[in-house]
Amino acid sequence: MKEKTMVETWLDELKQKLNQMDDAEIVELRMGPSASVHLLYIKTLIDSERLNETIIQPLQRSACSSLSSCITNAKVSEVLSVEDAEQKIMQGCILLNDSVNDQWLGVQLENPLGRAVEPSQTETVIYGAKDSFSEQLDKNITMLRRRLPITTLKTESFTIGSLSKTKVVLMYIDGLTNPEFVILARKKIESVDFDQFLDSSQLAAFIEDHNHTVFPQFLQTDRPDACAYALGEGKLTLLVANSPFALIAPITFFHLLQSPEDYFLRWPVASFLRLIRYGSFIVSLTMIPFYVALTTFHYQMVPLPLLYVLLESRSKLPFTPFAEGFFMIITLEIIKEASLRMPTKTSQTLGVIGGIVIGQAAVEAGFASKVLIVLMGISAIAFFLVPNYQVTKSMVLLQILLLILASFLGLPGIVIGLIGILAHLHALTSLGQPYLAPIAPFYGKDWNDLFIRGPLIWMKTRPKYLKPLRKWRQEMKK
C-alpha cells in the first residue's frame, strides 16, 4: 500500500475539521489530465472576486513549476502544520496543496469587512484630524504609519485568546522609547491566559499594574493623532484586532483630563480650557457632598441670606440630605445610561425630559430641594467636561464615597476622602511609572504641559518620567 504524502495526510485531517461547517468550501481544481489542486477556505471570510482573479484564473491559464509562482497578486506563505493551516483558514486565508513540492500554501484573501473611516465618536474636536480607528487592524496600523513615516516605528505581533485568536500589535519608536517599557509590555502580553478577547479594554484589564482600582492605567483612545503624539513622546501603543480603541502607556493621572485638541489651539486658550477641566473635575466630585455636609453639620458656615434659601427649600422634605443627594445622583446616572443606550434622536428627547420634567417633578413632589437640583445640574455639566469616559464613570463612585463620608463626618469627611484618593493615586503605577508624575516625583521641566499647555517652543524635552532615549524634541540646526 502506497504511503500517503504530507499533502494527502493534511487534506484528510482538514476535511474532517471542516466537515460540519456549512460555509466551508473544499474545491478541487483540475490542472490537467492527471494533476489537481485542492482549495480550502471559509467563503464568508474571503473575497470571492479576488479568489477568481488571483488564484483560479492564473492556475487555469498557465503551466507553473509551482503554485507560488502562479499567484502574484496576493501574499503567499507556507503552512507549517495542521494547526497553522486551521488558524490561517479561520483568519481569511485560502489553502492550496502543492503536490509537486509536497507542501501547503496559504493565500491571504481576507474579505475587507469594516466601516469606512469616520470622525471620533468619543473624543470630538473642532480642530485636528477627523479620522478615527476602526475594527480593521491593518487599517489602524496604516493610519499611524502615515503620521510617522519612519523606519524606526516598530511593530511586534502577538496572538492571545485560545478561542478568539485575537491579534495584538505593539508599536513603539526604536531608539526613542525606553526598552524597559517594551520588555515589560511584551512580558505582560505573553503571560496573558484567557480564552477570548473582543476589545482592547479586556486586554488592559489583564496587563495593567493594578486591577483593584477605579482609575485606568492605560489611556484608551480611538484617535490616531493622539497615538502618534504619544509615540513621539516615548510611549508605546497597543492595537487589538476587531477593536477601534488603542491603548497608550505609560500614562499619568493628568493625561486622563487632557484633550487631544489642547495641542491644536493657541496656548493661552488651551491652558484656559485645561484649567476649567481640572476645576470641573473637582467641582463634580465635591459639590453634592459639600451640600450634604453644610446642610447636615455646618449650617453656621452658610451666609444668612443663603441660609434662608436652604431652610425654605428643605422645610417640607421628608428625607435627610444624604438620602436626597444619593437619590438624585442615582437618578441622574439612570438617565445618562438610558440616553447612551437609546437611538440618538430618542436620547436627545430623553435628556430634555430627564433634565427638566423629572427635576421639576422631584421638587414639586418633595423628593429634592430646588438648591440641590441646581447643584446637580452644575455637577452633571462639569462631569461632561472630562474627556475620558472611563474616568467619568469612576468619578460617580468617588462622588458617592465622598457623599457617605460627608453624611457622617461633614467637611472633615470630605477632606479625609480627598486625602485618601490622593494617597491611592500616589500608590498607582502605569507600566511601572508613577501615576502622579510630574508632581510626585517632582519633575519641574514637565510642568509646562501639566495644568497649563505651554507654548510648543517651551517643550524642548520629552517628559522625564518616560525615560526616553532621546531627550530633546528640538534639533539644534547649524
Foldseek 3Di string as FASTA:
>chain_A
DDDDFLLVVLVVVVCVVCVPPPQWDWDWADQDPPDIKIKTARNVWFDVVCCCVFQRVQSNPDDDPWRVVSGDPWDKDWQDDSVSVVVLRVNHWIWMQTVNVRTIMTTHGTDPDWDDFAADPQADDPDDDRGWFILAQVVLVVLLCVVVVDPQFDWDWDFDAQAARKIKIKTAGPLWADVLLVVLVVVQQVPDHHHDDQEVVVSQCRRWPDNPALDGQWAKGGHSVVQNVLRVLRWMWMDIHRYSIITIDRAAPQVQQAHPCLVVDDQVVSLVLLLLLVVLLVLLQCVLLQVLLCVQPNVVVDPPVVSVLVCVQQVQAPDRSLQLSVVVLVLVVVLVVVLVPDDVVVSVVSVVCSLPVVLVVCSVVRSHGPVVSVSVVSSVVSLVSRSGPSVSVSSSVSSNCSNVLCNPPRPVSNVVSVVVVVVVQQPGGRSNFRRHPPVVVPDPLVVCCGSGPHDPVSCQFRRVSSVTSDTGPDDDDD
